[in-house]
């Protein structure tokens, strides 16, 4: 076969952009008013963390998140937006991939008891790893156009 529909690098870019769209959808569907004014997202996570089987998760959540729920609500919501935009445009892609991987690992650990949620977190983490090690920012990206992260 002389021609291939897309190159390997282009398929990695498709995967990166798809992951960015997934993060953007996660941001889009959140009820921001509920998150920012009523703290529903953080309150829900606090309930989950309080019942977590691992003491480190309970104490870590209490120490880092529970003390500043409003700030953490903004961090989570706008991190998802930044990840989505960064991955779609390919801007600071390695940072976005590593940040997304970290966020998915944190979500995975928090929700370890709920296997129904783990498929999404596992696949998003896997795509982040593939995108990171496959250097998915080299094609169809601002990073590639600017010659960053070669």
N, C-alpha and C. Protein backbone atom coordinates (compact mmCIF):
# COMPACT_ATOMS: atom_id res chain seq x y z
N UNK A 1 0.85 -1.17 0.00
CA UNK A 1 0.00 0.00 0.00
C UNK A 1 0.89 1.24 0.00
N UNK A 2 0.72 2.08 -0.98
CA UNK A 2 1.57 3.26 -1.12
C UNK A 2 1.13 4.43 -0.25
N UNK A 3 -0.14 4.57 -0.03
CA UNK A 3 -0.61 5.70 0.77
C UNK A 3 -1.38 5.19 1.98
N UNK A 4 -1.25 5.91 3.04
CA UNK A 4 -1.98 5.62 4.27
C UNK A 4 -2.85 6.82 4.55
N UNK A 5 -4.05 6.57 4.98
CA UNK A 5 -5.00 7.65 5.22
C UNK A 5 -4.41 8.73 6.11
N UNK A 6 -3.88 8.36 7.28
CA UNK A 6 -3.19 9.29 8.17
C UNK A 6 -1.88 8.65 8.62
N UNK A 7 -0.90 9.48 8.92
CA UNK A 7 0.36 8.96 9.45
C UNK A 7 0.19 8.64 10.93
N UNK A 8 1.17 7.96 11.48
CA UNK A 8 1.15 7.66 12.91
C UNK A 8 1.10 8.93 13.74
N UNK A 9 1.88 9.94 13.35
CA UNK A 9 1.90 11.21 14.08
C UNK A 9 0.55 11.90 14.01
N UNK A 10 -0.13 11.80 12.88
CA UNK A 10 -1.44 12.40 12.75
C UNK A 10 -2.48 11.67 13.61
N UNK A 11 -2.37 10.35 13.68
CA UNK A 11 -3.28 9.59 14.55
C UNK A 11 -3.06 9.97 16.01
N UNK A 12 -1.81 10.19 16.40
CA UNK A 12 -1.54 10.64 17.78
C UNK A 12 -2.18 12.01 18.03
N UNK A 13 -2.13 12.88 17.02
CA UNK A 13 -2.77 14.19 17.15
C UNK A 13 -4.28 14.05 17.27
N UNK A 14 -4.87 13.13 16.50
CA UNK A 14 -6.30 12.88 16.60
C UNK A 14 -6.65 12.42 18.03
N UNK A 15 -5.84 11.52 18.56
CA UNK A 15 -6.06 11.02 19.92
C UNK A 15 -5.95 12.16 20.94
N UNK A 16 -4.93 13.02 20.78
CA UNK A 16 -4.74 14.17 21.67
C UNK A 16 -5.92 15.12 21.60
N UNK A 17 -6.37 15.42 20.40
CA UNK A 17 -7.50 16.35 20.21
C UNK A 17 -8.78 15.73 20.78
N UNK A 18 -8.97 14.44 20.56
CA UNK A 18 -10.14 13.76 21.13
C UNK A 18 -10.14 13.81 22.64
N UNK A 19 -8.97 13.62 23.25
CA UNK A 19 -8.86 13.73 24.71
C UNK A 19 -9.17 15.15 25.16
N UNK A 20 -8.70 16.13 24.41
CA UNK A 20 -9.01 17.53 24.72
C UNK A 20 -10.51 17.80 24.65
N UNK A 21 -11.17 17.23 23.65
CA UNK A 21 -12.62 17.39 23.54
C UNK A 21 -13.33 16.73 24.72
N UNK A 22 -12.79 15.61 25.19
CA UNK A 22 -13.36 14.92 26.35
C UNK A 22 -13.27 15.81 27.60
N UNK A 23 -12.08 16.44 27.81
CA UNK A 23 -11.92 17.35 28.94
C UNK A 23 -12.83 18.57 28.79
N UNK A 24 -12.93 19.09 27.58
CA UNK A 24 -13.79 20.25 27.35
C UNK A 24 -15.26 19.92 27.63
N UNK A 25 -15.68 18.72 27.27
CA UNK A 25 -17.05 18.29 27.57
C UNK A 25 -17.25 18.13 29.08
N UNK A 26 -16.24 17.64 29.77
CA UNK A 26 -16.32 17.53 31.23
C UNK A 26 -16.53 18.91 31.85
N UNK A 27 -15.82 19.90 31.33
CA UNK A 27 -15.99 21.27 31.80
C UNK A 27 -17.36 21.81 31.42
N UNK A 28 -17.78 21.59 30.17
CA UNK A 28 -19.02 22.17 29.65
C UNK A 28 -20.25 21.68 30.42
N UNK A 29 -20.28 20.41 30.75
CA UNK A 29 -21.50 19.88 31.36
C UNK A 29 -21.62 20.15 32.86
N UNK A 30 -20.57 20.68 33.47
CA UNK A 30 -20.65 21.00 34.90
C UNK A 30 -21.57 22.20 35.13
N UNK A 31 -22.36 22.12 36.18
CA UNK A 31 -23.20 23.24 36.60
C UNK A 31 -22.29 24.17 37.40
N UNK A 32 -21.73 25.17 36.72
CA UNK A 32 -20.74 26.05 37.36
C UNK A 32 -21.34 26.79 38.55
N UNK A 33 -22.57 27.22 38.44
CA UNK A 33 -23.20 27.94 39.55
C UNK A 33 -23.24 27.05 40.79
N UNK A 34 -23.63 25.80 40.59
CA UNK A 34 -23.68 24.87 41.72
C UNK A 34 -22.27 24.61 42.27
N UNK A 35 -21.31 24.48 41.40
CA UNK A 35 -19.93 24.22 41.85
C UNK A 35 -19.38 25.42 42.62
N UNK A 36 -19.56 26.62 42.08
CA UNK A 36 -18.92 27.81 42.66
C UNK A 36 -19.71 28.40 43.82
N UNK A 37 -21.02 28.43 43.73
CA UNK A 37 -21.81 29.07 44.78
C UNK A 37 -22.23 28.11 45.88
N UNK A 38 -22.59 26.90 45.50
CA UNK A 38 -23.07 25.95 46.50
C UNK A 38 -22.04 24.88 46.84
N UNK A 39 -20.98 24.79 46.05
CA UNK A 39 -19.92 23.83 46.33
C UNK A 39 -20.34 22.38 46.18
N UNK A 40 -21.28 22.10 45.28
CA UNK A 40 -21.81 20.75 45.17
C UNK A 40 -20.76 19.72 44.77
N UNK A 41 -19.90 20.05 43.85
CA UNK A 41 -18.88 19.09 43.40
C UNK A 41 -17.91 18.72 44.51
N UNK A 42 -17.46 19.71 45.24
CA UNK A 42 -16.51 19.46 46.33
C UNK A 42 -17.22 18.78 47.50
N UNK A 43 -18.46 19.16 47.76
CA UNK A 43 -19.22 18.52 48.85
C UNK A 43 -19.44 17.04 48.54
N UNK A 44 -19.77 16.74 47.28
CA UNK A 44 -19.94 15.35 46.88
C UNK A 44 -18.62 14.59 47.07
N UNK A 45 -17.53 15.17 46.61
CA UNK A 45 -16.22 14.52 46.74
C UNK A 45 -15.84 14.35 48.21
N UNK A 46 -16.21 15.31 49.05
CA UNK A 46 -15.93 15.21 50.49
C UNK A 46 -16.66 14.01 51.09
N UNK A 47 -17.90 13.80 50.68
CA UNK A 47 -18.66 12.64 51.15
C UNK A 47 -17.99 11.34 50.73
N UNK A 48 -17.53 11.31 49.48
CA UNK A 48 -16.84 10.11 48.97
C UNK A 48 -15.54 9.90 49.74
N UNK A 49 -14.77 10.97 49.91
CA UNK A 49 -13.48 10.85 50.61
C UNK A 49 -13.66 10.43 52.06
N UNK A 50 -14.70 10.91 52.71
CA UNK A 50 -14.94 10.57 54.12
C UNK A 50 -15.17 9.08 54.32
N UNK A 51 -15.70 8.42 53.31
CA UNK A 51 -15.98 6.99 53.40
C UNK A 51 -14.90 6.12 52.73
N UNK A 52 -13.84 6.77 52.26
CA UNK A 52 -12.82 6.04 51.49
C UNK A 52 -12.13 5.00 52.37
N UNK A 53 -11.77 3.89 51.75
CA UNK A 53 -11.13 2.80 52.51
C UNK A 53 -9.68 3.10 52.87
N UNK A 54 -9.06 4.03 52.18
CA UNK A 54 -7.66 4.36 52.45
C UNK A 54 -7.58 5.60 53.34
N UNK A 55 -6.96 5.49 54.51
CA UNK A 55 -6.83 6.64 55.41
C UNK A 55 -6.09 7.81 54.76
N UNK A 56 -5.14 7.53 53.90
CA UNK A 56 -4.37 8.61 53.25
C UNK A 56 -5.27 9.48 52.38
N UNK A 57 -6.26 8.87 51.75
CA UNK A 57 -7.19 9.65 50.92
C UNK A 57 -8.07 10.52 51.83
N UNK A 58 -8.56 9.94 52.90
CA UNK A 58 -9.39 10.72 53.84
C UNK A 58 -8.61 11.91 54.40
N UNK A 59 -7.41 11.65 54.90
CA UNK A 59 -6.64 12.75 55.51
C UNK A 59 -6.12 13.73 54.46
N UNK A 60 -5.73 13.23 53.31
CA UNK A 60 -5.25 14.11 52.24
C UNK A 60 -6.34 15.04 51.76
N UNK A 61 -7.54 14.51 51.58
CA UNK A 61 -8.67 15.35 51.16
C UNK A 61 -8.99 16.39 52.23
N UNK A 62 -9.00 15.95 53.48
CA UNK A 62 -9.30 16.88 54.58
C UNK A 62 -8.26 17.98 54.66
N UNK A 63 -7.01 17.64 54.41
CA UNK A 63 -5.93 18.62 54.52
C UNK A 63 -5.88 19.57 53.33
N UNK A 64 -6.02 19.05 52.13
CA UNK A 64 -5.82 19.86 50.94
C UNK A 64 -7.12 20.48 50.42
N UNK A 65 -8.16 19.70 50.29
CA UNK A 65 -9.37 20.16 49.62
C UNK A 65 -10.40 20.74 50.58
N UNK A 66 -10.71 20.02 51.64
CA UNK A 66 -11.81 20.42 52.53
C UNK A 66 -11.57 21.78 53.19
N UNK A 67 -10.33 22.15 53.36
CA UNK A 67 -10.04 23.44 54.00
C UNK A 67 -10.28 24.64 53.09
N UNK A 68 -10.34 24.39 51.81
CA UNK A 68 -10.54 25.47 50.84
C UNK A 68 -11.46 25.01 49.71
N UNK A 69 -12.70 24.68 50.02
CA UNK A 69 -13.60 24.10 49.02
C UNK A 69 -13.90 25.03 47.84
N UNK A 70 -14.07 26.30 48.10
CA UNK A 70 -14.39 27.24 47.00
C UNK A 70 -13.21 27.33 46.03
N UNK A 71 -12.02 27.49 46.57
CA UNK A 71 -10.83 27.55 45.73
C UNK A 71 -10.66 26.27 44.93
N UNK A 72 -10.85 25.13 45.58
CA UNK A 72 -10.68 23.85 44.90
C UNK A 72 -11.74 23.64 43.82
N UNK A 73 -12.94 24.16 44.03
CA UNK A 73 -13.98 24.07 42.99
C UNK A 73 -13.50 24.80 41.73
N UNK A 74 -12.95 26.00 41.91
CA UNK A 74 -12.43 26.75 40.77
C UNK A 74 -11.24 26.02 40.14
N UNK A 75 -10.37 25.45 40.95
CA UNK A 75 -9.21 24.73 40.42
C UNK A 75 -9.66 23.56 39.55
N UNK A 76 -10.59 22.76 40.04
CA UNK A 76 -11.04 21.60 39.28
C UNK A 76 -11.73 22.02 37.99
N UNK A 77 -12.67 22.93 38.08
CA UNK A 77 -13.44 23.33 36.89
C UNK A 77 -12.54 23.97 35.84
N UNK A 78 -11.68 24.90 36.26
CA UNK A 78 -10.86 25.58 35.27
C UNK A 78 -9.65 24.75 34.83
N UNK A 79 -9.25 23.78 35.62
CA UNK A 79 -8.22 22.84 35.17
C UNK A 79 -8.76 22.02 34.00
N UNK A 80 -10.00 21.58 34.11
CA UNK A 80 -10.60 20.81 33.01
C UNK A 80 -10.71 21.65 31.75
N UNK A 81 -11.06 22.92 31.88
CA UNK A 81 -11.12 23.82 30.73
C UNK A 81 -9.74 24.01 30.12
N UNK A 82 -8.75 24.27 30.96
CA UNK A 82 -7.38 24.49 30.47
C UNK A 82 -6.84 23.24 29.79
N UNK A 83 -7.10 22.09 30.36
CA UNK A 83 -6.65 20.84 29.75
C UNK A 83 -7.29 20.66 28.38
N UNK A 84 -8.60 20.88 28.31
CA UNK A 84 -9.29 20.73 27.03
C UNK A 84 -8.74 21.65 25.97
N UNK A 85 -8.62 22.92 26.29
CA UNK A 85 -8.12 23.89 25.31
C UNK A 85 -6.66 23.63 24.94
N UNK A 86 -5.84 23.28 25.94
CA UNK A 86 -4.44 23.00 25.67
C UNK A 86 -4.25 21.80 24.76
N UNK A 87 -5.03 20.76 24.98
CA UNK A 87 -4.89 19.55 24.16
C UNK A 87 -5.48 19.73 22.77
N UNK A 88 -6.59 20.44 22.67
CA UNK A 88 -7.20 20.66 21.35
C UNK A 88 -6.28 21.49 20.47
N UNK A 89 -5.73 22.56 21.03
CA UNK A 89 -4.86 23.44 20.24
C UNK A 89 -3.42 22.94 20.18
N UNK A 90 -3.08 22.04 21.08
CA UNK A 90 -1.70 21.57 21.13
C UNK A 90 -0.77 22.62 21.70
N UNK A 91 -1.24 23.36 22.68
CA UNK A 91 -0.42 24.39 23.32
C UNK A 91 0.00 23.92 24.70
N UNK A 92 1.31 23.91 24.94
CA UNK A 92 1.88 23.37 26.17
C UNK A 92 1.39 21.93 26.40
N UNK A 93 1.39 21.18 25.32
CA UNK A 93 0.81 19.85 25.31
C UNK A 93 1.40 18.90 26.35
N UNK A 94 2.74 18.82 26.50
CA UNK A 94 3.25 17.90 27.52
C UNK A 94 2.76 18.26 28.92
N UNK A 95 2.63 19.54 29.20
CA UNK A 95 2.13 19.99 30.49
C UNK A 95 0.67 19.58 30.65
N UNK A 96 -0.13 19.78 29.60
CA UNK A 96 -1.54 19.42 29.65
C UNK A 96 -1.71 17.90 29.79
N UNK A 97 -0.91 17.13 29.07
CA UNK A 97 -1.01 15.68 29.17
C UNK A 97 -0.63 15.18 30.57
N UNK A 98 0.45 15.74 31.12
CA UNK A 98 0.86 15.34 32.47
C UNK A 98 -0.17 15.79 33.51
N UNK A 99 -0.70 17.00 33.35
CA UNK A 99 -1.72 17.51 34.27
C UNK A 99 -3.00 16.68 34.19
N UNK A 100 -3.40 16.33 32.99
CA UNK A 100 -4.58 15.49 32.82
C UNK A 100 -4.39 14.11 33.41
N UNK A 101 -3.20 13.56 33.21
CA UNK A 101 -2.90 12.25 33.80
C UNK A 101 -3.00 12.32 35.32
N UNK A 102 -2.43 13.36 35.90
CA UNK A 102 -2.49 13.53 37.36
C UNK A 102 -3.94 13.67 37.83
N UNK A 103 -4.72 14.48 37.15
CA UNK A 103 -6.11 14.67 37.55
C UNK A 103 -6.90 13.36 37.44
N UNK A 104 -6.66 12.59 36.36
CA UNK A 104 -7.35 11.31 36.23
C UNK A 104 -6.92 10.32 37.31
N UNK A 105 -5.64 10.32 37.66
CA UNK A 105 -5.18 9.44 38.73
C UNK A 105 -5.84 9.83 40.06
N UNK A 106 -5.94 11.14 40.32
CA UNK A 106 -6.61 11.59 41.54
C UNK A 106 -8.09 11.20 41.54
N UNK A 107 -8.76 11.38 40.40
CA UNK A 107 -10.16 10.96 40.29
C UNK A 107 -10.27 9.45 40.50
N UNK A 108 -9.34 8.71 39.90
CA UNK A 108 -9.35 7.25 40.00
C UNK A 108 -9.21 6.81 41.46
N UNK A 109 -8.26 7.41 42.15
CA UNK A 109 -8.02 7.05 43.56
C UNK A 109 -9.23 7.41 44.42
N UNK A 110 -9.79 8.60 44.19
CA UNK A 110 -10.95 9.02 44.98
C UNK A 110 -12.13 8.07 44.75
N UNK A 111 -12.30 7.63 43.52
CA UNK A 111 -13.46 6.81 43.16
C UNK A 111 -13.13 5.32 43.08
N UNK A 112 -12.10 4.88 43.77
CA UNK A 112 -11.63 3.50 43.65
C UNK A 112 -12.73 2.47 43.95
N UNK A 113 -13.69 2.84 44.76
CA UNK A 113 -14.76 1.90 45.13
C UNK A 113 -15.86 1.82 44.06
N UNK A 114 -15.89 2.77 43.12
CA UNK A 114 -16.96 2.84 42.12
C UNK A 114 -16.40 2.48 40.75
N UNK A 115 -16.40 1.20 40.41
CA UNK A 115 -15.79 0.74 39.17
C UNK A 115 -16.52 1.22 37.93
N UNK A 116 -17.75 1.67 38.07
CA UNK A 116 -18.48 2.19 36.92
C UNK A 116 -17.82 3.46 36.38
N UNK A 117 -17.21 4.24 37.25
CA UNK A 117 -16.54 5.49 36.85
C UNK A 117 -15.12 5.25 36.34
N UNK A 118 -14.57 4.10 36.61
CA UNK A 118 -13.15 3.90 36.35
C UNK A 118 -12.80 3.71 34.87
N UNK A 119 -13.75 3.30 34.06
CA UNK A 119 -13.47 3.14 32.63
C UNK A 119 -13.05 4.45 32.00
N UNK A 120 -13.79 5.50 32.27
CA UNK A 120 -13.46 6.81 31.71
C UNK A 120 -12.11 7.29 32.22
N UNK A 121 -11.89 7.24 33.52
CA UNK A 121 -10.61 7.70 34.07
C UNK A 121 -9.45 6.87 33.54
N UNK A 122 -9.62 5.57 33.46
CA UNK A 122 -8.55 4.70 32.96
C UNK A 122 -8.21 5.01 31.51
N UNK A 123 -9.24 5.17 30.67
CA UNK A 123 -8.99 5.45 29.25
C UNK A 123 -8.38 6.82 29.04
N UNK A 124 -8.85 7.81 29.81
CA UNK A 124 -8.27 9.15 29.68
C UNK A 124 -6.81 9.15 30.13
N UNK A 125 -6.50 8.42 31.21
CA UNK A 125 -5.12 8.31 31.67
C UNK A 125 -4.26 7.60 30.63
N UNK A 126 -4.78 6.53 30.05
CA UNK A 126 -4.04 5.80 29.02
C UNK A 126 -3.76 6.68 27.81
N UNK A 127 -4.77 7.42 27.37
CA UNK A 127 -4.57 8.32 26.23
C UNK A 127 -3.53 9.38 26.57
N UNK A 128 -3.56 9.88 27.79
CA UNK A 128 -2.55 10.86 28.21
C UNK A 128 -1.15 10.27 28.12
N UNK A 129 -0.98 9.04 28.60
CA UNK A 129 0.33 8.38 28.53
C UNK A 129 0.78 8.16 27.08
N UNK A 130 -0.12 7.67 26.25
CA UNK A 130 0.21 7.45 24.84
C UNK A 130 0.57 8.78 24.17
N UNK A 131 -0.22 9.81 24.44
CA UNK A 131 0.06 11.12 23.87
C UNK A 131 1.38 11.70 24.34
N UNK A 132 1.70 11.48 25.61
CA UNK A 132 2.94 11.99 26.18
C UNK A 132 4.15 11.26 25.60
N UNK A 133 4.14 9.94 25.66
CA UNK A 133 5.29 9.18 25.17
C UNK A 133 5.36 9.15 23.65
N UNK A 134 4.21 9.35 22.98
CA UNK A 134 4.20 9.42 21.52
C UNK A 134 4.47 10.81 21.00
N UNK A 135 4.70 11.77 21.90
CA UNK A 135 5.00 13.16 21.54
C UNK A 135 3.94 13.70 20.57
N UNK A 136 2.68 13.61 20.99
CA UNK A 136 1.55 13.96 20.14
C UNK A 136 1.46 15.45 19.80
N UNK A 137 2.33 16.25 20.36
CA UNK A 137 2.32 17.70 20.10
C UNK A 137 3.09 18.06 18.83
N UNK A 138 3.68 17.09 18.18
CA UNK A 138 4.49 17.40 17.00
C UNK A 138 3.67 17.65 15.74
N UNK A 139 2.41 17.29 15.74
CA UNK A 139 1.56 17.43 14.56
C UNK A 139 0.28 18.17 14.94
N UNK A 140 -0.13 19.07 14.05
CA UNK A 140 -1.38 19.82 14.22
C UNK A 140 -1.45 20.50 15.59
N UNK A 141 -0.41 21.24 15.94
CA UNK A 141 -0.37 21.86 17.26
C UNK A 141 0.35 23.20 17.22
N UNK A 142 0.02 24.04 18.18
CA UNK A 142 0.74 25.29 18.37
C UNK A 142 2.19 24.97 18.76
N UNK A 143 2.37 23.98 19.62
CA UNK A 143 3.73 23.57 20.03
C UNK A 143 4.58 23.21 18.81
N UNK A 144 4.01 22.43 17.91
CA UNK A 144 4.73 22.04 16.70
C UNK A 144 5.05 23.23 15.82
N UNK A 145 4.09 24.13 15.66
CA UNK A 145 4.30 25.31 14.82
C UNK A 145 5.38 26.22 15.40
N UNK A 146 5.45 26.28 16.73
CA UNK A 146 6.46 27.13 17.38
C UNK A 146 7.78 26.40 17.63
N UNK A 147 7.82 25.12 17.35
CA UNK A 147 9.04 24.34 17.58
C UNK A 147 9.32 24.05 19.02
N UNK A 148 8.29 24.01 19.85
CA UNK A 148 8.46 23.74 21.28
C UNK A 148 8.52 22.23 21.53
N UNK A 149 9.24 21.85 22.55
CA UNK A 149 9.28 20.47 23.05
C UNK A 149 9.72 19.47 21.98
N UNK A 150 10.74 19.79 21.24
CA UNK A 150 11.23 18.86 20.20
C UNK A 150 11.97 17.71 20.77
